[in-house]
Amino acid sequence: VVLAKALNLKPPSEPSKTLQQYTDSNKIPDYAIANVAAAVKAGLVTGYPQGNLLNPNKPATRAELAAMLHQARVISRNRASRQ
C-alpha cells in the first residue's frame, strides 16, 4: 500500500476484478484493496507460490521487500523516461 501510494499508482476501475485471480483476495483489508490492485496491475506485487496467493496479512520478508523496491525503481525509471 505504501509503495503504491508513493508511486501514485492508479487503481483499476474494478479493483476486485483485478484481484479475483488470488484465492486469498478476500483477506485484503478494505482500506487496501484499491492500492493492492494498483500494485498488482503495475507488476509491483505478484502472487506466490503458484501465483494464486498474496498472503496479504503476512509480514513481508526482506527478500520480498527488496523485490518490491526493485520493481518500484523500475516503474519510477520507466515513468521518468516517458516524460
PDB file of N, CA and C in Angstrom:
ATOM      1  N   VAL A   1       0.837  -1.189   0.000  1.00  0.00           N
ATOM      2  CA  VAL A   1       0.000   0.000   0.000  1.00  0.00           C
ATOM      3  C   VAL A   1       0.880   1.251   0.000  1.00  0.00           C
ATOM      4  N   VAL A   2       1.902   1.257   0.814  1.00  0.00           N
ATOM      5  CA  VAL A   2       2.776   2.423   0.906  1.00  0.00           C
ATOM      6  C   VAL A   2       3.478   2.687  -0.423  1.00  0.00           C
ATOM      7  N   LEU A   3       4.015   1.640  -1.048  1.00  0.00           N
ATOM      8  CA  LEU A   3       4.699   1.829  -2.327  1.00  0.00           C
ATOM      9  C   LEU A   3       3.724   2.248  -3.425  1.00  0.00           C
ATOM     10  N   ALA A   4       2.539   1.693  -3.434  1.00  0.00           N
ATOM     11  CA  ALA A   4       1.538   2.077  -4.437  1.00  0.00           C
ATOM     12  C   ALA A   4       1.189   3.550  -4.283  1.00  0.00           C
ATOM     13  N   LYS A   5       1.052   4.003  -3.049  1.00  0.00           N
ATOM     14  CA  LYS A   5       0.754   5.420  -2.812  1.00  0.00           C
ATOM     15  C   LYS A   5       1.949   6.297  -3.167  1.00  0.00           C
ATOM     16  N   ALA A   6       3.146   5.868  -2.797  1.00  0.00           N
ATOM     17  CA  ALA A   6       4.344   6.663  -3.079  1.00  0.00           C
ATOM     18  C   ALA A   6       4.568   6.818  -4.576  1.00  0.00           C
ATOM     19  N   LEU A   7       4.245   5.776  -5.330  1.00  0.00           N
ATOM     20  CA  LEU A   7       4.404   5.824  -6.781  1.00  0.00           C
ATOM     21  C   LEU A   7       3.190   6.437  -7.478  1.00  0.00           C
ATOM     22  N   ASN A   8       2.182   6.771  -6.684  1.00  0.00           N
ATOM     23  CA  ASN A   8       0.948   7.344  -7.223  1.00  0.00           C
ATOM     24  C   ASN A   8       0.336   6.434  -8.287  1.00  0.00           C
ATOM     25  N   LEU A   9       0.321   5.135  -7.994  1.00  0.00           N
ATOM     26  CA  LEU A   9      -0.255   4.170  -8.921  1.00  0.00           C
ATOM     27  C   LEU A   9      -1.766   4.337  -8.950  1.00  0.00           C
ATOM     28  N   LYS A  10      -2.316   4.306 -10.140  1.00  0.00           N
ATOM     29  CA  LYS A  10      -3.757   4.455 -10.306  1.00  0.00           C
ATOM     30  C   LYS A  10      -4.423   3.093 -10.177  1.00  0.00           C
ATOM     31  N   PRO A  11      -5.419   2.987  -9.294  1.00  0.00           N
ATOM     32  CA  PRO A  11      -6.120   1.709  -9.165  1.00  0.00           C
ATOM     33  C   PRO A  11      -6.957   1.432 -10.415  1.00  0.00           C
ATOM     34  N   PRO A  12      -7.137   0.167 -10.747  1.00  0.00           N
ATOM     35  CA  PRO A  12      -8.005  -0.163 -11.874  1.00  0.00           C
ATOM     36  C   PRO A  12      -9.449   0.222 -11.546  1.00  0.00           C
ATOM     37  N   SER A  13     -10.265   0.358 -12.558  1.00  0.00           N
ATOM     38  CA  SER A  13     -11.659   0.773 -12.332  1.00  0.00           C
ATOM     39  C   SER A  13     -12.431  -0.246 -11.505  1.00  0.00           C
ATOM     40  N   GLU A  14     -12.055  -1.506 -11.603  1.00  0.00           N
ATOM     41  CA  GLU A  14     -12.697  -2.554 -10.808  1.00  0.00           C
ATOM     42  C   GLU A  14     -11.622  -3.348 -10.053  1.00  0.00           C
ATOM     43  N   PRO A  15     -11.182  -2.816  -8.912  1.00  0.00           N
ATOM     44  CA  PRO A  15     -10.101  -3.481  -8.171  1.00  0.00           C
ATOM     45  C   PRO A  15     -10.389  -4.939  -7.828  1.00  0.00           C
ATOM     46  N   SER A  16     -11.616  -5.235  -7.445  1.00  0.00           N
ATOM     47  CA  SER A  16     -11.924  -6.622  -7.056  1.00  0.00           C
ATOM     48  C   SER A  16     -11.790  -7.577  -8.234  1.00  0.00           C
ATOM     49  N   LYS A  17     -12.046  -7.094  -9.442  1.00  0.00           N
ATOM     50  CA  LYS A  17     -11.891  -7.928 -10.630  1.00  0.00           C
ATOM     51  C   LYS A  17     -10.405  -8.237 -10.872  1.00  0.00           C
ATOM     52  N   THR A  18      -9.550  -7.251 -10.653  1.00  0.00           N
ATOM     53  CA  THR A  18      -8.105  -7.446 -10.802  1.00  0.00           C
ATOM     54  C   THR A  18      -7.588  -8.462  -9.802  1.00  0.00           C
ATOM     55  N   LEU A  19      -8.189  -8.481  -8.615  1.00  0.00           N
ATOM     56  CA  LEU A  19      -7.707  -9.343  -7.536  1.00  0.00           C
ATOM     57  C   LEU A  19      -8.362 -10.717  -7.497  1.00  0.00           C
ATOM     58  N   GLN A  20      -9.365 -10.949  -8.324  1.00  0.00           N
ATOM     59  CA  GLN A  20     -10.111 -12.213  -8.241  1.00  0.00           C
ATOM     60  C   GLN A  20      -9.269 -13.442  -8.572  1.00  0.00           C
ATOM     61  N   GLN A  21      -8.134 -13.255  -9.242  1.00  0.00           N
ATOM     62  CA  GLN A  21      -7.261 -14.388  -9.565  1.00  0.00           C
ATOM     63  C   GLN A  21      -6.576 -14.970  -8.328  1.00  0.00           C
ATOM     64  N   TYR A  22      -6.582 -14.224  -7.232  1.00  0.00           N
ATOM     65  CA  TYR A  22      -5.928 -14.664  -5.998  1.00  0.00           C
ATOM     66  C   TYR A  22      -6.954 -15.284  -5.062  1.00  0.00           C
ATOM     67  N   THR A  23      -6.686 -16.506  -4.617  1.00  0.00           N
ATOM     68  CA  THR A  23      -7.653 -17.213  -3.789  1.00  0.00           C
ATOM     69  C   THR A  23      -7.831 -16.599  -2.409  1.00  0.00           C
ATOM     70  N   ASP A  24      -6.884 -15.779  -1.980  1.00  0.00           N
ATOM     71  CA  ASP A  24      -6.984 -15.163  -0.654  1.00  0.00           C
ATOM     72  C   ASP A  24      -7.269 -13.659  -0.733  1.00  0.00           C
ATOM     73  N   SER A  25      -7.781 -13.196  -1.857  1.00  0.00           N
ATOM     74  CA  SER A  25      -8.047 -11.756  -2.007  1.00  0.00           C
ATOM     75  C   SER A  25      -9.091 -11.249  -1.017  1.00  0.00           C
ATOM     76  N   ASN A  26      -9.947 -12.145  -0.529  1.00  0.00           N
ATOM     77  CA  ASN A  26     -10.949 -11.746   0.459  1.00  0.00           C
ATOM     78  C   ASN A  26     -10.324 -11.379   1.804  1.00  0.00           C
ATOM     79  N   LYS A  27      -9.044 -11.680   1.994  1.00  0.00           N
ATOM     80  CA  LYS A  27      -8.345 -11.347   3.243  1.00  0.00           C
ATOM     81  C   LYS A  27      -7.679  -9.975   3.204  1.00  0.00           C
ATOM     82  N   ILE A  28      -7.723  -9.305   2.055  1.00  0.00           N
ATOM     83  CA  ILE A  28      -7.140  -7.968   1.948  1.00  0.00           C
ATOM     84  C   ILE A  28      -8.046  -6.996   2.693  1.00  0.00           C
ATOM     85  N   PRO A  29      -7.503  -6.221   3.615  1.00  0.00           N
ATOM     86  CA  PRO A  29      -8.340  -5.252   4.334  1.00  0.00           C
ATOM     87  C   PRO A  29      -8.989  -4.269   3.356  1.00  0.00           C
ATOM     88  N   ASP A  30     -10.204  -3.856   3.659  1.00  0.00           N
ATOM     89  CA  ASP A  30     -10.964  -2.963   2.777  1.00  0.00           C
ATOM     90  C   ASP A  30     -10.181  -1.715   2.384  1.00  0.00           C
ATOM     91  N   TYR A  31      -9.450  -1.137   3.351  1.00  0.00           N
ATOM     92  CA  TYR A  31      -8.733   0.104   3.065  1.00  0.00           C
ATOM     93  C   TYR A  31      -7.612  -0.092   2.037  1.00  0.00           C
ATOM     94  N   ALA A  32      -7.171  -1.343   1.842  1.00  0.00           N
ATOM     95  CA  ALA A  32      -6.015  -1.613   0.995  1.00  0.00           C
ATOM     96  C   ALA A  32      -6.370  -2.146  -0.392  1.00  0.00           C
ATOM     97  N   ILE A  33      -7.614  -2.492  -0.624  1.00  0.00           N
ATOM     98  CA  ILE A  33      -7.991  -3.160  -1.875  1.00  0.00           C
ATOM     99  C   ILE A  33      -7.568  -2.382  -3.117  1.00  0.00           C
ATOM    100  N   ALA A  34      -7.893  -1.108  -3.191  1.00  0.00           N
ATOM    101  CA  ALA A  34      -7.569  -0.321  -4.390  1.00  0.00           C
ATOM    102  C   ALA A  34      -6.064  -0.235  -4.608  1.00  0.00           C
ATOM    103  N   ASN A  35      -5.310  -0.027  -3.538  1.00  0.00           N
ATOM    104  CA  ASN A  35      -3.853   0.092  -3.670  1.00  0.00           C
ATOM    105  C   ASN A  35      -3.189  -1.239  -3.997  1.00  0.00           C
ATOM    106  N   VAL A  36      -3.681  -2.317  -3.441  1.00  0.00           N
ATOM    107  CA  VAL A  36      -3.128  -3.634  -3.769  1.00  0.00           C
ATOM    108  C   VAL A  36      -3.425  -3.962  -5.230  1.00  0.00           C
ATOM    109  N   ALA A  37      -4.633  -3.659  -5.681  1.00  0.00           N
ATOM    110  CA  ALA A  37      -4.978  -3.891  -7.087  1.00  0.00           C
ATOM    111  C   ALA A  37      -4.092  -3.052  -8.010  1.00  0.00           C
ATOM    112  N   ALA A  38      -3.812  -1.822  -7.623  1.00  0.00           N
ATOM    113  CA  ALA A  38      -2.926  -0.962  -8.411  1.00  0.00           C
ATOM    114  C   ALA A  38      -1.512  -1.551  -8.450  1.00  0.00           C
ATOM    115  N   ALA A  39      -1.052  -2.064  -7.325  1.00  0.00           N
ATOM    116  CA  ALA A  39       0.279  -2.666  -7.256  1.00  0.00           C
ATOM    117  C   ALA A  39       0.361  -3.926  -8.115  1.00  0.00           C
ATOM    118  N   VAL A  40      -0.687  -4.724  -8.100  1.00  0.00           N
ATOM    119  CA  VAL A  40      -0.730  -5.928  -8.936  1.00  0.00           C
ATOM    120  C   VAL A  40      -0.718  -5.531 -10.408  1.00  0.00           C
ATOM    121  N   LYS A  41      -1.559  -4.579 -10.766  1.00  0.00           N
ATOM    122  CA  LYS A  41      -1.659  -4.133 -12.154  1.00  0.00           C
ATOM    123  C   LYS A  41      -0.323  -3.596 -12.667  1.00  0.00           C
ATOM    124  N   ALA A  42       0.410  -2.894 -11.829  1.00  0.00           N
ATOM    125  CA  ALA A  42       1.697  -2.312 -12.222  1.00  0.00           C
ATOM    126  C   ALA A  42       2.849  -3.320 -12.193  1.00  0.00           C
ATOM    127  N   GLY A  43       2.611  -4.512 -11.652  1.00  0.00           N
ATOM    128  CA  GLY A  43       3.670  -5.510 -11.560  1.00  0.00           C
ATOM    129  C   GLY A  43       4.541  -5.368 -10.329  1.00  0.00           C
ATOM    130  N   LEU A  44       4.097  -4.534  -9.408  1.00  0.00           N
ATOM    131  CA  LEU A  44       4.842  -4.322  -8.171  1.00  0.00           C
ATOM    132  C   LEU A  44       4.711  -5.527  -7.244  1.00  0.00           C
ATOM    133  N   VAL A  45       3.577  -6.187  -7.297  1.00  0.00           N
ATOM    134  CA  VAL A  45       3.279  -7.332  -6.444  1.00  0.00           C
ATOM    135  C   VAL A  45       2.805  -8.477  -7.329  1.00  0.00           C
ATOM    136  N   THR A  46       3.304  -9.656  -7.057  1.00  0.00           N
ATOM    137  CA  THR A  46       2.836 -10.854  -7.754  1.00  0.00           C
ATOM    138  C   THR A  46       2.496 -11.913  -6.732  1.00  0.00           C
ATOM    139  N   GLY A  47       1.715 -12.862  -7.129  1.00  0.00           N
ATOM    140  CA  GLY A  47       1.323 -13.920  -6.205  1.00  0.00           C
ATOM    141  C   GLY A  47       2.376 -15.004  -6.097  1.00  0.00           C
ATOM    142  N   TYR A  48       2.255 -15.806  -5.057  1.00  0.00           N
ATOM    143  CA  TYR A  48       3.142 -16.931  -4.846  1.00  0.00           C
ATOM    144  C   TYR A  48       2.450 -17.954  -3.984  1.00  0.00           C
ATOM    145  N   PRO A  49       2.826 -19.162  -3.841  1.00  0.00           N
ATOM    146  CA  PRO A  49       3.925 -19.782  -4.554  1.00  0.00           C
ATOM    147  C   PRO A  49       3.559 -20.158  -5.996  1.00  0.00           C
ATOM    148  N   GLN A  50       2.299 -20.444  -6.248  1.00  0.00           N
ATOM    149  CA  GLN A  50       1.902 -20.794  -7.607  1.00  0.00           C
ATOM    150  C   GLN A  50       1.301 -19.599  -8.348  1.00  0.00           C
ATOM    151  N   GLY A  51       1.387 -18.429  -7.791  1.00  0.00           N
ATOM    152  CA  GLY A  51       0.843 -17.251  -8.440  1.00  0.00           C
ATOM    153  C   GLY A  51      -0.596 -16.953  -8.089  1.00  0.00           C
ATOM    154  N   ASN A  52      -1.183 -17.738  -7.196  1.00  0.00           N
ATOM    155  CA  ASN A  52      -2.580 -17.518  -6.854  1.00  0.00           C
ATOM    156  C   ASN A  52      -2.802 -17.067  -5.416  1.00  0.00           C
ATOM    157  N   LEU A  53      -1.734 -16.735  -4.706  1.00  0.00           N
ATOM    158  CA  LEU A  53      -1.841 -16.262  -3.324  1.00  0.00           C
ATOM    159  C   LEU A  53      -1.098 -14.944  -3.160  1.00  0.00           C
ATOM    160  N   LEU A  54      -1.657 -14.077  -2.333  1.00  0.00           N
ATOM    161  CA  LEU A  54      -0.991 -12.819  -1.984  1.00  0.00           C
ATOM    162  C   LEU A  54      -0.496 -12.817  -0.548  1.00  0.00           C
ATOM    163  N   ASN A  55      -1.115 -13.603   0.311  1.00  0.00           N
ATOM    164  CA  ASN A  55      -0.793 -13.603   1.741  1.00  0.00           C
ATOM    165  C   ASN A  55      -0.778 -12.164   2.265  1.00  0.00           C
ATOM    166  N   PRO A  56      -1.893 -11.446   2.135  1.00  0.00           N
ATOM    167  CA  PRO A  56      -1.904 -10.013   2.434  1.00  0.00           C
ATOM    168  C   PRO A  56      -1.674  -9.626   3.890  1.00  0.00           C
ATOM    169  N   ASN A  57      -1.846 -10.543   4.807  1.00  0.00           N
ATOM    170  CA  ASN A  57      -1.686 -10.195   6.216  1.00  0.00           C
ATOM    171  C   ASN A  57      -0.397 -10.755   6.820  1.00  0.00           C
ATOM    172  N   LYS A  58       0.433 -11.359   5.986  1.00  0.00           N
ATOM    173  CA  LYS A  58       1.713 -11.901   6.439  1.00  0.00           C
ATOM    174  C   LYS A  58       2.769 -10.810   6.278  1.00  0.00           C
ATOM    175  N   PRO A  59       3.588 -10.605   7.282  1.00  0.00           N
ATOM    176  CA  PRO A  59       4.660  -9.617   7.122  1.00  0.00           C
ATOM    177  C   PRO A  59       5.572  -9.992   5.955  1.00  0.00           C
ATOM    178  N   ALA A  60       5.983  -9.014   5.197  1.00  0.00           N
ATOM    179  CA  ALA A  60       6.880  -9.249   4.064  1.00  0.00           C
ATOM    180  C   ALA A  60       8.273  -9.601   4.573  1.00  0.00           C
ATOM    181  N   THR A  61       8.924 -10.502   3.870  1.00  0.00           N
ATOM    182  CA  THR A  61      10.306 -10.846   4.206  1.00  0.00           C
ATOM    183  C   THR A  61      11.231  -9.775   3.622  1.00  0.00           C
ATOM    184  N   ARG A  62      12.480  -9.812   4.021  1.00  0.00           N
ATOM    185  CA  ARG A  62      13.458  -8.875   3.442  1.00  0.00           C
ATOM    186  C   ARG A  62      13.587  -9.088   1.940  1.00  0.00           C
ATOM    187  N   ALA A  63      13.570 -10.327   1.519  1.00  0.00           N
ATOM    188  CA  ALA A  63      13.691 -10.628   0.088  1.00  0.00           C
ATOM    189  C   ALA A  63      12.482 -10.093  -0.681  1.00  0.00           C
ATOM    190  N   GLU A  64      11.298 -10.281  -0.132  1.00  0.00           N
ATOM    191  CA  GLU A  64      10.092  -9.773  -0.799  1.00  0.00           C
ATOM    192  C   GLU A  64      10.123  -8.252  -0.876  1.00  0.00           C
ATOM    193  N   LEU A  65      10.536  -7.630   0.193  1.00  0.00           N
ATOM    194  CA  LEU A  65      10.622  -6.171   0.205  1.00  0.00           C
ATOM    195  C   LEU A  65      11.663  -5.682  -0.796  1.00  0.00           C
ATOM    196  N   ALA A  66      12.796  -6.373  -0.866  1.00  0.00           N
ATOM    197  CA  ALA A  66      13.827  -5.999  -1.836  1.00  0.00           C
ATOM    198  C   ALA A  66      13.280  -6.109  -3.258  1.00  0.00           C
ATOM    199  N   ALA A  67      12.525  -7.155  -3.539  1.00  0.00           N
ATOM    200  CA  ALA A  67      11.938  -7.329  -4.872  1.00  0.00           C
ATOM    201  C   ALA A  67      10.938  -6.208  -5.168  1.00  0.00           C
ATOM    202  N   MET A  68      10.120  -5.857  -4.193  1.00  0.00           N
ATOM    203  CA  MET A  68       9.145  -4.778  -4.392  1.00  0.00           C
ATOM    204  C   MET A  68       9.837  -3.435  -4.599  1.00  0.00           C
ATOM    205  N   LEU A  69      10.893  -3.188  -3.845  1.00  0.00           N
ATOM    206  CA  LEU A  69      11.636  -1.935  -4.012  1.00  0.00           C
ATOM    207  C   LEU A  69      12.306  -1.874  -5.390  1.00  0.00           C
ATOM    208  N   HIS A  70      12.818  -2.998  -5.833  1.00  0.00           N
ATOM    209  CA  HIS A  70      13.414  -3.049  -7.170  1.00  0.00           C
ATOM    210  C   HIS A  70      12.355  -2.736  -8.228  1.00  0.00           C
ATOM    211  N   GLN A  71      11.197  -3.368  -8.112  1.00  0.00           N
ATOM    212  CA  GLN A  71      10.115  -3.121  -9.072  1.00  0.00           C
ATOM    213  C   GLN A  71       9.663  -1.661  -9.009  1.00  0.00           C
ATOM    214  N   ALA A  72       9.613  -1.092  -7.817  1.00  0.00           N
ATOM    215  CA  ALA A  72       9.230   0.317  -7.671  1.00  0.00           C
ATOM    216  C   ALA A  72      10.222   1.211  -8.404  1.00  0.00           C
ATOM    217  N   ARG A  73      11.492   0.866  -8.309  1.00  0.00           N
ATOM    218  CA  ARG A  73      12.525   1.653  -9.005  1.00  0.00           C
ATOM    219  C   ARG A  73      12.377   1.531 -10.519  1.00  0.00           C
ATOM    220  N   VAL A  74      12.082   0.330 -11.001  1.00  0.00           N
ATOM    221  CA  VAL A  74      11.867   0.108 -12.428  1.00  0.00           C
ATOM    222  C   VAL A  74      10.669   0.926 -12.912  1.00  0.00           C
ATOM    223  N   ILE A  75       9.580   0.892 -12.165  1.00  0.00           N
ATOM    224  CA  ILE A  75       8.374   1.648 -12.524  1.00  0.00           C
ATOM    225  C   ILE A  75       8.692   3.139 -12.562  1.00  0.00           C
ATOM    226  N   SER A  76       9.403   3.603 -11.559  1.00  0.00           N
ATOM    227  CA  SER A  76       9.760   5.021 -11.483  1.00  0.00           C
ATOM    228  C   SER A  76      10.645   5.435 -12.659  1.00  0.00           C
ATOM    229  N   ARG A  77      11.636   4.620 -12.993  1.00  0.00           N
ATOM    230  CA  ARG A  77      12.523   4.919 -14.126  1.00  0.00           C
ATOM    231  C   ARG A  77      11.758   4.931 -15.443  1.00  0.00           C
ATOM    232  N   ASN A  78      10.858   3.966 -15.614  1.00  0.00           N
ATOM    233  CA  ASN A  78      10.068   3.916 -16.849  1.00  0.00           C
ATOM    234  C   ASN A  78       9.215   5.165 -17.004  1.00  0.00           C
ATOM    235  N   ARG A  79       8.658   5.617 -15.924  1.00  0.00           N
ATOM    236  CA  ARG A  79       7.858   6.851 -15.983  1.00  0.00           C
ATOM    237  C   ARG A  79       8.722   8.040 -16.351  1.00  0.00           C
ATOM    238  N   ALA A  80       9.903   8.126 -15.744  1.00  0.00           N
ATOM    239  CA  ALA A  80      10.797   9.258 -15.992  1.00  0.00           C
ATOM    240  C   ALA A  80      11.260   9.267 -17.447  1.00  0.00           C
ATOM    241  N   SER A  81      11.482   8.086 -18.025  1.00  0.00           N
ATOM    242  CA  SER A  81      11.967   8.046 -19.404  1.00  0.00           C
ATOM    243  C   SER A  81      10.873   8.417 -20.409  1.00  0.00           C
ATOM    244  N   ARG A  82       9.612   8.276 -20.020  1.00  0.00           N
ATOM    245  CA  ARG A  82       8.496   8.637 -20.911  1.00  0.00           C
ATOM    246  C   ARG A  82       8.231  10.136 -20.918  1.00  0.00           C
ATOM    247  N   GLN A  83       8.741  10.823 -19.914  1.00  0.00           N
ATOM    248  CA  GLN A  83       8.439  12.258 -19.805  1.00  0.00           C
ATOM    249  C   GLN A  83       9.410  13.110 -20.563  1.00  0.00           C
TER     250      GLN A  83
END
